[in-house]
Amino acid sequence: MPNRNLNTLELKKVNTLLGRVRKSILEYSNGDLDLEFALRRKIYKELTYDERGKPHLRMKLKKKKRVSQNNLCTSCKQILPLKYAVLDRLNAKDGYTEENTNLICPDCDTEIQRSRSYK
């Protein structure tokens, strides 16, 4: 299922929100460039966690999926590499859950992303 895109009105509202966030960072940092940088990094990291979950939880899920899939890629049925296996979300908005993911090899991930027209 393709990810939802924002329409023109929604993009305008998001840009307004982004402008307010940027302004708040500048006001809070009060000219302290190190603090400004740290604030941007923290906000970026936390928003990423909101979408993807924390890294240790994804690692735990990868281990569980590796066992449940008998160490096989769900796409090509080959043995998964020790490193760089990919948790593929069936529906991105549903997050990284056991029911919504497959563990796949990097080659299959590249092919799946290409077939979904992702770059």
C-alpha atoms as a PDB file:
ATOM      1  CA  MET A   1       0.000   0.000   0.000  1.00  0.00           C
ATOM      2  CA  PRO A   2       1.508   3.363  -0.984  1.00  0.00           C
ATOM      3  CA  ASN A   3       2.127   5.915   1.747  1.00  0.00           C
ATOM      4  CA  ARG A   4      -0.294   8.816   1.893  1.00  0.00           C
ATOM      5  CA  ASN A   5       0.928  12.102   0.486  1.00  0.00           C
ATOM      6  CA  LEU A   6      -0.081  15.491   1.784  1.00  0.00           C
ATOM      7  CA  ASN A   7      -2.321  17.644  -0.373  1.00  0.00           C
ATOM      8  CA  THR A   8      -1.560  21.292  -1.163  1.00  0.00           C
ATOM      9  CA  LEU A   9      -3.495  22.682   1.807  1.00  0.00           C
ATOM     10  CA  GLU A  10      -1.911  20.176   4.189  1.00  0.00           C
ATOM     11  CA  LEU A  11       1.567  21.025   2.883  1.00  0.00           C
ATOM     12  CA  LYS A  12       0.893  24.702   3.510  1.00  0.00           C
ATOM     13  CA  LYS A  13      -0.173  23.949   7.093  1.00  0.00           C
ATOM     14  CA  VAL A  14       2.860  21.721   7.654  1.00  0.00           C
ATOM     15  CA  ASN A  15       5.172  24.443   6.376  1.00  0.00           C
ATOM     16  CA  THR A  16       3.536  26.856   8.833  1.00  0.00           C
ATOM     17  CA  LEU A  17       4.070  24.348  11.654  1.00  0.00           C
ATOM     18  CA  LEU A  18       7.675  23.809  10.601  1.00  0.00           C
ATOM     19  CA  GLY A  19       8.218  27.571  10.606  1.00  0.00           C
ATOM     20  CA  ARG A  20       6.882  27.790  14.180  1.00  0.00           C
ATOM     21  CA  VAL A  21       9.144  24.944  15.308  1.00  0.00           C
ATOM     22  CA  ARG A  22      12.180  26.587  13.712  1.00  0.00           C
ATOM     23  CA  LYS A  23      11.294  29.917  15.316  1.00  0.00           C
ATOM     24  CA  SER A  24      10.920  28.232  18.711  1.00  0.00           C
ATOM     25  CA  ILE A  25      14.334  26.579  18.366  1.00  0.00           C
ATOM     26  CA  LEU A  26      15.930  29.942  17.541  1.00  0.00           C
ATOM     27  CA  GLU A  27      14.167  31.659  20.462  1.00  0.00           C
ATOM     28  CA  TYR A  28      15.047  28.875  22.910  1.00  0.00           C
ATOM     29  CA  SER A  29      18.686  28.727  21.851  1.00  0.00           C
ATOM     30  CA  ASN A  30      18.976  32.534  22.082  1.00  0.00           C
ATOM     31  CA  GLY A  31      21.975  32.748  19.746  1.00  0.00           C
ATOM     32  CA  ASP A  32      23.796  29.755  21.241  1.00  0.00           C
ATOM     33  CA  LEU A  33      24.710  27.824  18.064  1.00  0.00           C
ATOM     34  CA  ASP A  34      25.709  24.708  19.992  1.00  0.00           C
ATOM     35  CA  LEU A  35      22.342  24.636  21.763  1.00  0.00           C
ATOM     36  CA  GLU A  36      20.503  25.319  18.490  1.00  0.00           C
ATOM     37  CA  PHE A  37      22.292  22.368  16.876  1.00  0.00           C
ATOM     38  CA  ALA A  38      21.573  20.104  19.870  1.00  0.00           C
ATOM     39  CA  LEU A  39      17.883  21.039  19.859  1.00  0.00           C
ATOM     40  CA  ARG A  40      17.493  20.278  16.146  1.00  0.00           C
ATOM     41  CA  ARG A  41      19.228  16.909  16.598  1.00  0.00           C
ATOM     42  CA  LYS A  42      17.067  15.991  19.609  1.00  0.00           C
ATOM     43  CA  ILE A  43      13.813  16.906  17.858  1.00  0.00           C
ATOM     44  CA  TYR A  44      14.856  15.006  14.726  1.00  0.00           C
ATOM     45  CA  LYS A  45      15.783  11.917  16.772  1.00  0.00           C
ATOM     46  CA  GLU A  46      12.560  11.913  18.787  1.00  0.00           C
ATOM     47  CA  LEU A  47      10.358  12.360  15.698  1.00  0.00           C
ATOM     48  CA  THR A  48      12.229   9.484  14.049  1.00  0.00           C
ATOM     49  CA  TYR A  49      11.525   7.318  17.106  1.00  0.00           C
ATOM     50  CA  ASP A  50       7.844   8.275  16.871  1.00  0.00           C
ATOM     51  CA  GLU A  51       7.728   6.711  13.413  1.00  0.00           C
ATOM     52  CA  ARG A  52      10.264   3.887  13.610  1.00  0.00           C
ATOM     53  CA  GLY A  53      10.476   3.038  17.290  1.00  0.00           C
ATOM     54  CA  LYS A  54      13.728   2.903  19.214  1.00  0.00           C
ATOM     55  CA  PRO A  55      16.680   0.992  17.735  1.00  0.00           C
ATOM     56  CA  HIS A  56      16.869  -1.579  20.534  1.00  0.00           C
ATOM     57  CA  LEU A  57      13.218  -2.519  19.963  1.00  0.00           C
ATOM     58  CA  ARG A  58      13.808  -2.985  16.223  1.00  0.00           C
ATOM     59  CA  MET A  59      16.885  -5.127  16.969  1.00  0.00           C
ATOM     60  CA  LYS A  60      14.815  -7.275  19.318  1.00  0.00           C
ATOM     61  CA  LEU A  61      12.120  -7.637  16.642  1.00  0.00           C
ATOM     62  CA  LYS A  62      14.746  -8.595  14.028  1.00  0.00           C
ATOM     63  CA  LYS A  63      16.002 -11.390  16.273  1.00  0.00           C
ATOM     64  CA  LYS A  64      12.464 -12.642  16.851  1.00  0.00           C
ATOM     65  CA  LYS A  65      11.641 -12.526  13.124  1.00  0.00           C
ATOM     66  CA  ARG A  66      14.877 -14.339  12.257  1.00  0.00           C
ATOM     67  CA  VAL A  67      13.825 -17.218  14.527  1.00  0.00           C
ATOM     68  CA  SER A  68      10.189 -17.300  13.386  1.00  0.00           C
ATOM     69  CA  GLN A  69      11.263 -17.258   9.702  1.00  0.00           C
ATOM     70  CA  ASN A  70      13.842 -20.031  10.249  1.00  0.00           C
ATOM     71  CA  ASN A  71      16.584 -17.562   9.237  1.00  0.00           C
ATOM     72  CA  LEU A  72      15.135 -17.309   5.716  1.00  0.00           C
ATOM     73  CA  CYS A  73      14.269 -14.221   3.696  1.00  0.00           C
ATOM     74  CA  THR A  74      10.489 -14.186   3.251  1.00  0.00           C
ATOM     75  CA  SER A  75      10.896 -12.991  -0.313  1.00  0.00           C
ATOM     76  CA  CYS A  76      13.576 -15.163  -1.937  1.00  0.00           C
ATOM     77  CA  LYS A  77      13.644 -17.951   0.712  1.00  0.00           C
ATOM     78  CA  GLN A  78      17.454 -17.781   0.914  1.00  0.00           C
ATOM     79  CA  ILE A  79      19.372 -17.755   4.200  1.00  0.00           C
ATOM     80  CA  LEU A  80      19.480 -14.263   5.686  1.00  0.00           C
ATOM     81  CA  PRO A  81      22.885 -12.605   5.999  1.00  0.00           C
ATOM     82  CA  LEU A  82      24.228 -12.137   9.526  1.00  0.00           C
ATOM     83  CA  LYS A  83      24.320  -8.365   8.949  1.00  0.00           C
ATOM     84  CA  TYR A  84      22.140  -5.947   7.034  1.00  0.00           C
ATOM     85  CA  ALA A  85      18.920  -7.963   6.988  1.00  0.00           C
ATOM     86  CA  VAL A  86      16.025  -5.487   6.678  1.00  0.00           C
ATOM     87  CA  LEU A  87      12.752  -5.241   8.585  1.00  0.00           C
ATOM     88  CA  ASP A  88      10.260  -4.530   5.820  1.00  0.00           C
ATOM     89  CA  ARG A  89       6.972  -2.966   6.962  1.00  0.00           C
ATOM     90  CA  LEU A  90       3.985  -4.237   5.022  1.00  0.00           C
ATOM     91  CA  ASN A  91       2.113  -1.017   5.805  1.00  0.00           C
ATOM     92  CA  ALA A  92       4.467   1.776   6.890  1.00  0.00           C
ATOM     93  CA  LYS A  93       1.966   3.623   9.085  1.00  0.00           C
ATOM     94  CA  ASP A  94       1.336   0.494  11.162  1.00  0.00           C
ATOM     95  CA  GLY A  95       4.901   0.576  12.459  1.00  0.00           C
ATOM     96  CA  TYR A  96       7.434  -2.082  13.312  1.00  0.00           C
ATOM     97  CA  THR A  97       5.346  -4.859  14.814  1.00  0.00           C
ATOM     98  CA  GLU A  98       5.650  -8.610  14.531  1.00  0.00           C
ATOM     99  CA  GLU A  99       2.462  -8.769  12.441  1.00  0.00           C
ATOM    100  CA  ASN A 100       3.414  -5.891  10.129  1.00  0.00           C
ATOM    101  CA  THR A 101       6.990  -6.855   9.238  1.00  0.00           C
ATOM    102  CA  ASN A 102       9.034  -9.397   7.359  1.00  0.00           C
ATOM    103  CA  LEU A 103      12.769  -9.822   7.661  1.00  0.00           C
ATOM    104  CA  ILE A 104      14.311  -9.774   4.199  1.00  0.00           C
ATOM    105  CA  CYS A 105      17.767  -9.788   2.651  1.00  0.00           C
ATOM    106  CA  PRO A 106      19.267  -6.539   1.311  1.00  0.00           C
ATOM    107  CA  ASP A 107      18.876  -7.601  -2.343  1.00  0.00           C
ATOM    108  CA  CYS A 108      15.169  -8.295  -1.905  1.00  0.00           C
ATOM    109  CA  ASP A 109      14.776  -5.011  -0.018  1.00  0.00           C
ATOM    110  CA  THR A 110      16.295  -3.133  -2.956  1.00  0.00           C
ATOM    111  CA  GLU A 111      13.979  -4.908  -5.377  1.00  0.00           C
ATOM    112  CA  ILE A 112      10.887  -4.343  -3.212  1.00  0.00           C
ATOM    113  CA  GLN A 113      11.713  -0.648  -2.804  1.00  0.00           C
ATOM    114  CA  ARG A 114      12.219  -0.349  -6.566  1.00  0.00           C
ATOM    115  CA  SER A 115       8.874  -2.058  -7.226  1.00  0.00           C
ATOM    116  CA  ARG A 116       7.190   0.400  -4.854  1.00  0.00           C
ATOM    117  CA  SER A 117       8.872   3.280  -6.712  1.00  0.00           C
ATOM    118  CA  TYR A 118      10.842   4.367  -3.626  1.00  0.00           C
ATOM    119  CA  LYS A 119      14.215   5.968  -4.031  1.00  0.00           C
END
